[in-house]
Amino acid sequence: MSLLNPDEIEAVIRRNVGAPGSPQFRVLEVGESHADICLPYDEGMTRLGNTISGPVLMTLADAAMYTAIIAHVPDGEYAVTSHFHIDFLQRPRAADVLARAHLLRVGRRSVTCRVELFSQDFDTLVAHVSGAYARMKTATSGTTSGA
């Protein structure tokens, strides 16, 4: 069961992620241990060969992990990426990109995730991602203040 609805999740991400222009992705669905998001196509997402750029795919995958965590983990909005690995499987066409993030393990200190990235529909797999987020108690956990 999700802690927040899709609109609330989008608001948390826009508030907490320091990305210029606030990514325009949409949360499509939140399931028992997963989240689906869509990044609508924009010409600015492409690179040579009319394909979606790697940095766009990586940003979407990271946002999908964060979405699943916010939706299912208490205080998930304070979690931060601890590691990220992506395998590009095939060239994504210039179209909407969909991401499905799965929570694999929710531990006391970290959350392990898997993400599949699809081009335009959930039939064309273009990349596979594994990663984890470190759980924090507050927005400033783990930081040190200078004297």
N, C-alpha and C. Protein backbone atom coordinates (compact mmCIF):
# COMPACT_ATOMS: atom_id res chain seq x y z
N MET A 1 0.84 -1.19 0.00
CA MET A 1 0.00 0.00 0.00
C MET A 1 0.88 1.25 0.00
N SER A 2 0.50 2.21 -0.79
CA SER A 2 1.27 3.44 -0.92
C SER A 2 0.98 4.39 0.24
N LEU A 3 2.03 5.08 0.69
CA LEU A 3 1.88 6.07 1.74
C LEU A 3 1.28 7.37 1.20
N LEU A 4 1.54 7.65 -0.10
CA LEU A 4 1.08 8.88 -0.74
C LEU A 4 0.47 8.55 -2.09
N ASN A 5 -0.38 9.46 -2.60
CA ASN A 5 -0.93 9.25 -3.94
C ASN A 5 0.05 9.84 -4.96
N PRO A 6 -0.13 9.54 -6.25
CA PRO A 6 0.82 10.01 -7.27
C PRO A 6 1.05 11.53 -7.27
N ASP A 7 0.03 12.33 -7.10
CA ASP A 7 0.21 13.79 -7.09
C ASP A 7 1.07 14.23 -5.91
N GLU A 8 0.86 13.62 -4.74
CA GLU A 8 1.66 13.96 -3.56
C GLU A 8 3.12 13.56 -3.76
N ILE A 9 3.34 12.42 -4.40
CA ILE A 9 4.71 11.96 -4.66
C ILE A 9 5.41 12.94 -5.60
N GLU A 10 4.74 13.35 -6.68
CA GLU A 10 5.34 14.32 -7.61
C GLU A 10 5.70 15.61 -6.88
N ALA A 11 4.85 16.07 -5.99
CA ALA A 11 5.12 17.30 -5.24
C ALA A 11 6.36 17.15 -4.36
N VAL A 12 6.51 16.02 -3.70
CA VAL A 12 7.68 15.78 -2.85
C VAL A 12 8.95 15.80 -3.69
N ILE A 13 8.92 15.12 -4.83
CA ILE A 13 10.11 15.07 -5.69
C ILE A 13 10.45 16.46 -6.21
N ARG A 14 9.49 17.21 -6.67
CA ARG A 14 9.76 18.56 -7.18
C ARG A 14 10.31 19.47 -6.08
N ARG A 15 9.86 19.25 -4.87
CA ARG A 15 10.33 20.05 -3.73
C ARG A 15 11.76 19.66 -3.33
N ASN A 16 12.11 18.37 -3.44
CA ASN A 16 13.37 17.89 -2.88
C ASN A 16 14.50 17.69 -3.88
N VAL A 17 14.21 17.63 -5.17
CA VAL A 17 15.25 17.35 -6.16
C VAL A 17 15.69 18.65 -6.80
N GLY A 18 16.99 18.91 -6.75
CA GLY A 18 17.53 20.16 -7.28
C GLY A 18 17.82 20.11 -8.76
N ALA A 19 16.87 19.65 -9.56
CA ALA A 19 17.07 19.58 -11.00
C ALA A 19 16.51 20.83 -11.66
N PRO A 20 17.32 21.46 -12.52
CA PRO A 20 16.81 22.65 -13.20
C PRO A 20 15.59 22.32 -14.05
N GLY A 21 14.63 23.18 -14.04
CA GLY A 21 13.44 22.98 -14.85
C GLY A 21 12.47 21.95 -14.31
N SER A 22 12.75 21.40 -13.14
CA SER A 22 11.89 20.39 -12.52
C SER A 22 11.40 19.38 -13.55
N PRO A 23 12.00 18.20 -13.61
CA PRO A 23 11.60 17.21 -14.61
C PRO A 23 10.08 17.08 -14.70
N GLN A 24 9.60 16.94 -15.91
CA GLN A 24 8.16 16.93 -16.15
C GLN A 24 7.56 15.53 -16.19
N PHE A 25 8.21 14.58 -15.51
CA PHE A 25 7.66 13.23 -15.51
C PHE A 25 6.34 13.17 -14.75
N ARG A 26 5.58 12.11 -15.01
CA ARG A 26 4.30 11.88 -14.32
C ARG A 26 4.34 10.53 -13.63
N VAL A 27 3.83 10.48 -12.41
CA VAL A 27 3.67 9.20 -11.72
C VAL A 27 2.41 8.57 -12.28
N LEU A 28 2.54 7.41 -12.88
CA LEU A 28 1.40 6.73 -13.51
C LEU A 28 0.66 5.82 -12.55
N GLU A 29 1.43 5.04 -11.78
CA GLU A 29 0.82 4.05 -10.90
C GLU A 29 1.78 3.71 -9.78
N VAL A 30 1.22 3.46 -8.61
CA VAL A 30 2.00 2.97 -7.49
C VAL A 30 1.36 1.66 -7.06
N GLY A 31 2.14 0.58 -7.12
CA GLY A 31 1.65 -0.74 -6.75
C GLY A 31 2.16 -1.15 -5.38
N GLU A 32 2.01 -2.43 -5.08
CA GLU A 32 2.39 -2.94 -3.76
C GLU A 32 3.87 -2.71 -3.43
N SER A 33 4.75 -2.94 -4.38
CA SER A 33 6.18 -2.71 -4.13
C SER A 33 6.86 -2.11 -5.37
N HIS A 34 6.09 -1.39 -6.17
CA HIS A 34 6.67 -0.77 -7.35
C HIS A 34 6.02 0.58 -7.64
N ALA A 35 6.64 1.29 -8.58
CA ALA A 35 6.08 2.56 -9.06
C ALA A 35 6.40 2.68 -10.54
N ASP A 36 5.43 3.18 -11.31
CA ASP A 36 5.61 3.44 -12.74
C ASP A 36 5.56 4.93 -12.97
N ILE A 37 6.55 5.45 -13.73
CA ILE A 37 6.53 6.87 -14.08
C ILE A 37 6.80 7.01 -15.58
N CYS A 38 6.39 8.14 -16.12
CA CYS A 38 6.55 8.43 -17.54
C CYS A 38 7.23 9.79 -17.69
N LEU A 39 8.19 9.85 -18.60
CA LEU A 39 8.78 11.11 -18.99
C LEU A 39 8.33 11.38 -20.42
N PRO A 40 7.39 12.32 -20.60
CA PRO A 40 6.90 12.61 -21.96
C PRO A 40 8.03 13.11 -22.85
N TYR A 41 7.98 12.70 -24.10
CA TYR A 41 9.03 13.05 -25.06
C TYR A 41 9.11 14.55 -25.29
N ASP A 42 10.34 15.03 -25.40
CA ASP A 42 10.64 16.41 -25.73
C ASP A 42 11.90 16.38 -26.60
N GLU A 43 11.97 17.20 -27.63
CA GLU A 43 13.13 17.21 -28.54
C GLU A 43 14.45 17.42 -27.79
N GLY A 44 14.42 18.12 -26.68
CA GLY A 44 15.63 18.38 -25.90
C GLY A 44 16.21 17.14 -25.24
N MET A 45 15.50 16.03 -25.27
CA MET A 45 15.96 14.79 -24.64
C MET A 45 16.83 13.96 -25.58
N THR A 46 16.91 14.34 -26.85
CA THR A 46 17.60 13.50 -27.83
C THR A 46 19.04 13.93 -28.04
N ARG A 47 19.79 13.01 -28.60
CA ARG A 47 21.17 13.28 -29.00
C ARG A 47 21.34 12.80 -30.43
N LEU A 48 22.55 12.79 -30.93
CA LEU A 48 22.83 12.35 -32.30
C LEU A 48 22.18 11.00 -32.57
N GLY A 49 21.62 10.85 -33.74
CA GLY A 49 20.95 9.61 -34.09
C GLY A 49 19.49 9.58 -33.67
N ASN A 50 18.97 10.72 -33.20
CA ASN A 50 17.57 10.84 -32.78
C ASN A 50 17.18 9.79 -31.74
N THR A 51 18.03 9.66 -30.73
CA THR A 51 17.79 8.73 -29.64
C THR A 51 17.76 9.49 -28.32
N ILE A 52 17.09 8.93 -27.34
CA ILE A 52 17.05 9.56 -26.01
C ILE A 52 18.44 9.45 -25.39
N SER A 53 18.94 10.53 -24.82
CA SER A 53 20.30 10.55 -24.28
C SER A 53 20.41 9.72 -22.99
N GLY A 54 21.60 9.23 -22.75
CA GLY A 54 21.88 8.45 -21.54
C GLY A 54 21.59 9.22 -20.25
N PRO A 55 22.03 10.48 -20.15
CA PRO A 55 21.73 11.22 -18.93
C PRO A 55 20.23 11.36 -18.64
N VAL A 56 19.42 11.48 -19.68
CA VAL A 56 17.96 11.54 -19.49
C VAL A 56 17.47 10.21 -18.93
N LEU A 57 17.95 9.10 -19.48
CA LEU A 57 17.53 7.78 -18.99
C LEU A 57 17.96 7.58 -17.54
N MET A 58 19.18 8.01 -17.21
CA MET A 58 19.66 7.85 -15.84
C MET A 58 18.86 8.69 -14.86
N THR A 59 18.53 9.90 -15.26
CA THR A 59 17.72 10.77 -14.40
C THR A 59 16.35 10.17 -14.15
N LEU A 60 15.73 9.64 -15.20
CA LEU A 60 14.41 9.03 -15.06
C LEU A 60 14.48 7.80 -14.15
N ALA A 61 15.50 6.97 -14.31
CA ALA A 61 15.63 5.78 -13.47
C ALA A 61 15.81 6.15 -12.00
N ASP A 62 16.64 7.15 -11.73
CA ASP A 62 16.85 7.58 -10.35
C ASP A 62 15.55 8.15 -9.77
N ALA A 63 14.83 8.92 -10.57
CA ALA A 63 13.55 9.47 -10.12
C ALA A 63 12.54 8.35 -9.85
N ALA A 64 12.58 7.29 -10.65
CA ALA A 64 11.67 6.17 -10.44
C ALA A 64 11.97 5.46 -9.13
N MET A 65 13.26 5.26 -8.82
CA MET A 65 13.62 4.64 -7.53
C MET A 65 13.12 5.51 -6.38
N TYR A 66 13.38 6.80 -6.50
CA TYR A 66 12.96 7.73 -5.44
C TYR A 66 11.44 7.72 -5.29
N THR A 67 10.72 7.64 -6.40
CA THR A 67 9.26 7.57 -6.37
C THR A 67 8.78 6.35 -5.60
N ALA A 68 9.35 5.19 -5.91
CA ALA A 68 8.95 3.96 -5.21
C ALA A 68 9.25 4.05 -3.72
N ILE A 69 10.37 4.64 -3.39
CA ILE A 69 10.75 4.77 -1.98
C ILE A 69 9.82 5.74 -1.26
N ILE A 70 9.56 6.89 -1.85
CA ILE A 70 8.64 7.85 -1.22
C ILE A 70 7.27 7.20 -1.01
N ALA A 71 6.85 6.41 -1.97
CA ALA A 71 5.52 5.80 -1.90
C ALA A 71 5.41 4.72 -0.84
N HIS A 72 6.50 4.05 -0.51
CA HIS A 72 6.39 2.86 0.34
C HIS A 72 7.20 2.86 1.63
N VAL A 73 8.13 3.79 1.79
CA VAL A 73 9.03 3.76 2.94
C VAL A 73 8.78 4.98 3.82
N PRO A 74 8.45 4.76 5.10
CA PRO A 74 8.27 5.90 5.99
C PRO A 74 9.53 6.78 5.98
N ASP A 75 9.35 8.08 5.92
CA ASP A 75 10.43 9.07 5.82
C ASP A 75 11.29 8.86 4.58
N GLY A 76 10.72 8.24 3.54
CA GLY A 76 11.45 7.98 2.30
C GLY A 76 11.95 9.22 1.61
N GLU A 77 11.30 10.36 1.84
CA GLU A 77 11.74 11.57 1.16
C GLU A 77 13.12 12.01 1.60
N TYR A 78 13.62 11.49 2.73
CA TYR A 78 14.96 11.84 3.20
C TYR A 78 16.04 10.89 2.66
N ALA A 79 15.67 9.85 1.94
CA ALA A 79 16.64 8.90 1.40
C ALA A 79 17.45 9.56 0.28
N VAL A 80 18.70 9.11 0.13
CA VAL A 80 19.58 9.64 -0.90
C VAL A 80 20.23 8.49 -1.66
N THR A 81 20.51 8.72 -2.94
CA THR A 81 21.12 7.69 -3.77
C THR A 81 22.48 7.31 -3.20
N SER A 82 22.71 6.00 -3.01
CA SER A 82 24.03 5.55 -2.54
C SER A 82 24.81 4.85 -3.65
N HIS A 83 24.13 4.17 -4.55
CA HIS A 83 24.80 3.65 -5.74
C HIS A 83 23.80 3.43 -6.85
N PHE A 84 24.35 3.37 -8.08
CA PHE A 84 23.51 3.34 -9.28
C PHE A 84 24.30 2.65 -10.38
N HIS A 85 23.70 1.67 -11.03
CA HIS A 85 24.34 0.97 -12.15
C HIS A 85 23.30 0.82 -13.26
N ILE A 86 23.70 1.17 -14.50
CA ILE A 86 22.77 1.07 -15.62
C ILE A 86 23.40 0.25 -16.74
N ASP A 87 22.60 -0.61 -17.33
CA ASP A 87 22.96 -1.34 -18.53
C ASP A 87 22.05 -0.85 -19.65
N PHE A 88 22.64 -0.26 -20.69
CA PHE A 88 21.87 0.16 -21.85
C PHE A 88 21.72 -1.05 -22.76
N LEU A 89 20.50 -1.46 -23.05
CA LEU A 89 20.25 -2.69 -23.79
C LEU A 89 20.00 -2.47 -25.28
N GLN A 90 19.27 -1.40 -25.60
CA GLN A 90 19.07 -1.05 -27.01
C GLN A 90 18.76 0.43 -27.11
N ARG A 91 18.93 0.96 -28.30
CA ARG A 91 18.74 2.39 -28.54
C ARG A 91 17.26 2.75 -28.38
N PRO A 92 16.95 3.66 -27.46
CA PRO A 92 15.55 4.09 -27.33
C PRO A 92 15.18 5.07 -28.43
N ARG A 93 14.01 4.87 -29.01
CA ARG A 93 13.56 5.79 -30.06
C ARG A 93 13.13 7.11 -29.42
N ALA A 94 13.01 8.12 -30.23
CA ALA A 94 12.59 9.45 -29.77
C ALA A 94 11.10 9.39 -29.45
N ALA A 95 10.77 9.06 -28.22
CA ALA A 95 9.38 8.88 -27.79
C ALA A 95 9.34 9.00 -26.27
N ASP A 96 8.14 8.93 -25.70
CA ASP A 96 8.01 8.90 -24.25
C ASP A 96 8.85 7.76 -23.69
N VAL A 97 9.37 7.96 -22.49
CA VAL A 97 10.13 6.91 -21.82
C VAL A 97 9.38 6.56 -20.54
N LEU A 98 9.22 5.27 -20.30
CA LEU A 98 8.53 4.77 -19.11
C LEU A 98 9.53 4.07 -18.21
N ALA A 99 9.31 4.17 -16.91
CA ALA A 99 10.17 3.50 -15.94
C ALA A 99 9.30 2.75 -14.94
N ARG A 100 9.71 1.53 -14.63
CA ARG A 100 9.05 0.75 -13.59
C ARG A 100 10.11 0.41 -12.55
N ALA A 101 9.95 0.97 -11.35
CA ALA A 101 10.89 0.73 -10.26
C ALA A 101 10.30 -0.27 -9.28
N HIS A 102 11.11 -1.22 -8.87
CA HIS A 102 10.70 -2.24 -7.90
C HIS A 102 11.57 -2.12 -6.65
N LEU A 103 10.94 -2.20 -5.50
CA LEU A 103 11.69 -2.27 -4.25
C LEU A 103 12.06 -3.73 -4.04
N LEU A 104 13.35 -4.02 -3.95
CA LEU A 104 13.81 -5.39 -3.76
C LEU A 104 14.01 -5.71 -2.29
N ARG A 105 14.55 -4.75 -1.55
CA ARG A 105 14.78 -4.94 -0.12
C ARG A 105 14.73 -3.60 0.58
N VAL A 106 13.93 -3.53 1.62
CA VAL A 106 13.85 -2.32 2.45
C VAL A 106 14.47 -2.67 3.79
N GLY A 107 15.67 -2.17 4.02
CA GLY A 107 16.37 -2.42 5.27
C GLY A 107 16.33 -1.20 6.17
N ARG A 108 16.93 -1.36 7.34
CA ARG A 108 16.98 -0.25 8.30
C ARG A 108 17.80 0.92 7.77
N ARG A 109 18.87 0.60 7.03
CA ARG A 109 19.78 1.65 6.58
C ARG A 109 19.74 1.93 5.09
N SER A 110 19.23 0.98 4.30
CA SER A 110 19.21 1.21 2.86
C SER A 110 18.03 0.50 2.20
N VAL A 111 17.73 0.96 0.98
CA VAL A 111 16.66 0.37 0.17
C VAL A 111 17.28 0.01 -1.18
N THR A 112 17.15 -1.27 -1.55
CA THR A 112 17.70 -1.75 -2.82
C THR A 112 16.57 -1.80 -3.84
N CYS A 113 16.87 -1.32 -5.06
CA CYS A 113 15.85 -1.20 -6.11
C CYS A 113 16.34 -1.77 -7.44
N ARG A 114 15.37 -2.06 -8.29
CA ARG A 114 15.61 -2.44 -9.69
C ARG A 114 14.68 -1.57 -10.53
N VAL A 115 15.15 -1.12 -11.68
CA VAL A 115 14.33 -0.30 -12.58
C VAL A 115 14.48 -0.83 -14.00
N GLU A 116 13.36 -0.94 -14.68
CA GLU A 116 13.37 -1.23 -16.11
C GLU A 116 12.90 0.03 -16.83
N LEU A 117 13.61 0.40 -17.90
CA LEU A 117 13.25 1.55 -18.71
C LEU A 117 12.74 1.07 -20.05
N PHE A 118 11.63 1.64 -20.49
CA PHE A 118 10.97 1.23 -21.72
C PHE A 118 10.77 2.44 -22.63
N SER A 119 10.79 2.19 -23.93
CA SER A 119 10.53 3.22 -24.91
C SER A 119 9.07 3.17 -25.36
N GLN A 120 8.33 4.20 -25.06
CA GLN A 120 6.95 4.45 -25.50
C GLN A 120 5.89 3.53 -24.90
N ASP A 121 6.18 2.29 -24.66
CA ASP A 121 5.21 1.38 -24.06
C ASP A 121 5.98 0.41 -23.17
N PHE A 122 5.29 -0.44 -22.47
CA PHE A 122 5.97 -1.38 -21.58
C PHE A 122 6.39 -2.65 -22.32
N ASP A 123 6.57 -2.57 -23.65
CA ASP A 123 6.98 -3.73 -24.44
C ASP A 123 8.43 -3.66 -24.90
N THR A 124 9.00 -2.47 -25.01
CA THR A 124 10.34 -2.31 -25.57
C THR A 124 11.32 -1.91 -24.47
N LEU A 125 12.00 -2.89 -23.88
CA LEU A 125 12.96 -2.65 -22.81
C LEU A 125 14.23 -2.06 -23.40
N VAL A 126 14.65 -0.89 -22.89
CA VAL A 126 15.84 -0.22 -23.43
C VAL A 126 17.00 -0.17 -22.43
N ALA A 127 16.71 -0.30 -21.14
CA ALA A 127 17.79 -0.27 -20.15
C ALA A 127 17.33 -0.94 -18.86
N HIS A 128 18.31 -1.45 -18.12
CA HIS A 128 18.05 -2.07 -16.82
C HIS A 128 18.96 -1.39 -15.81
N VAL A 129 18.40 -1.07 -14.64
CA VAL A 129 19.14 -0.34 -13.62
C VAL A 129 19.03 -1.07 -12.29
N SER A 130 20.13 -1.08 -11.55
CA SER A 130 20.08 -1.52 -10.16
C SER A 130 20.69 -0.40 -9.33
N GLY A 131 20.19 -0.25 -8.14
CA GLY A 131 20.69 0.82 -7.29
C GLY A 131 20.17 0.71 -5.88
N ALA A 132 20.63 1.63 -5.07
CA ALA A 132 20.19 1.65 -3.68
C ALA A 132 20.18 3.09 -3.19
N TYR A 133 19.35 3.30 -2.21
CA TYR A 133 19.26 4.58 -1.52
C TYR A 133 19.60 4.36 -0.06
N ALA A 134 20.35 5.28 0.51
CA ALA A 134 20.62 5.25 1.95
C ALA A 134 19.46 5.95 2.65
N ARG A 135 18.98 5.33 3.71
CA ARG A 135 17.88 5.94 4.47
C ARG A 135 18.45 6.92 5.48
N MET A 136 17.85 8.09 5.55
CA MET A 136 18.25 9.13 6.50
C MET A 136 17.06 9.42 7.41
N LYS A 137 17.34 9.91 8.60
CA LYS A 137 16.26 10.22 9.53
C LYS A 137 15.66 11.60 9.28
N THR A 138 16.50 12.50 8.77
CA THR A 138 16.03 13.85 8.46
C THR A 138 16.78 14.33 7.22
N ALA A 139 16.42 15.50 6.75
CA ALA A 139 17.07 16.06 5.56
C ALA A 139 18.54 16.35 5.82
N THR A 140 18.97 16.54 7.06
CA THR A 140 20.35 16.88 7.36
C THR A 140 21.11 15.74 8.01
N SER A 141 20.55 14.55 8.09
CA SER A 141 21.28 13.41 8.67
C SER A 141 22.56 13.16 7.89
N GLY A 142 23.62 12.87 8.62
CA GLY A 142 24.88 12.54 7.96
C GLY A 142 25.69 13.73 7.53
N THR A 143 25.20 14.94 7.74
CA THR A 143 25.99 16.12 7.37
C THR A 143 26.73 16.62 8.60
N THR A 144 27.81 17.28 8.35
CA THR A 144 28.56 17.88 9.45
C THR A 144 28.55 19.39 9.27
N SER A 145 28.54 20.07 10.34
CA SER A 145 28.55 21.54 10.25
C SER A 145 29.96 22.03 10.55
N GLY A 146 30.41 23.00 9.76
CA GLY A 146 31.72 23.59 9.97
C GLY A 146 31.69 24.58 11.11
N ALA A 147 32.81 24.73 11.79
CA ALA A 147 32.88 25.64 12.93
C ALA A 147 33.32 27.01 12.50
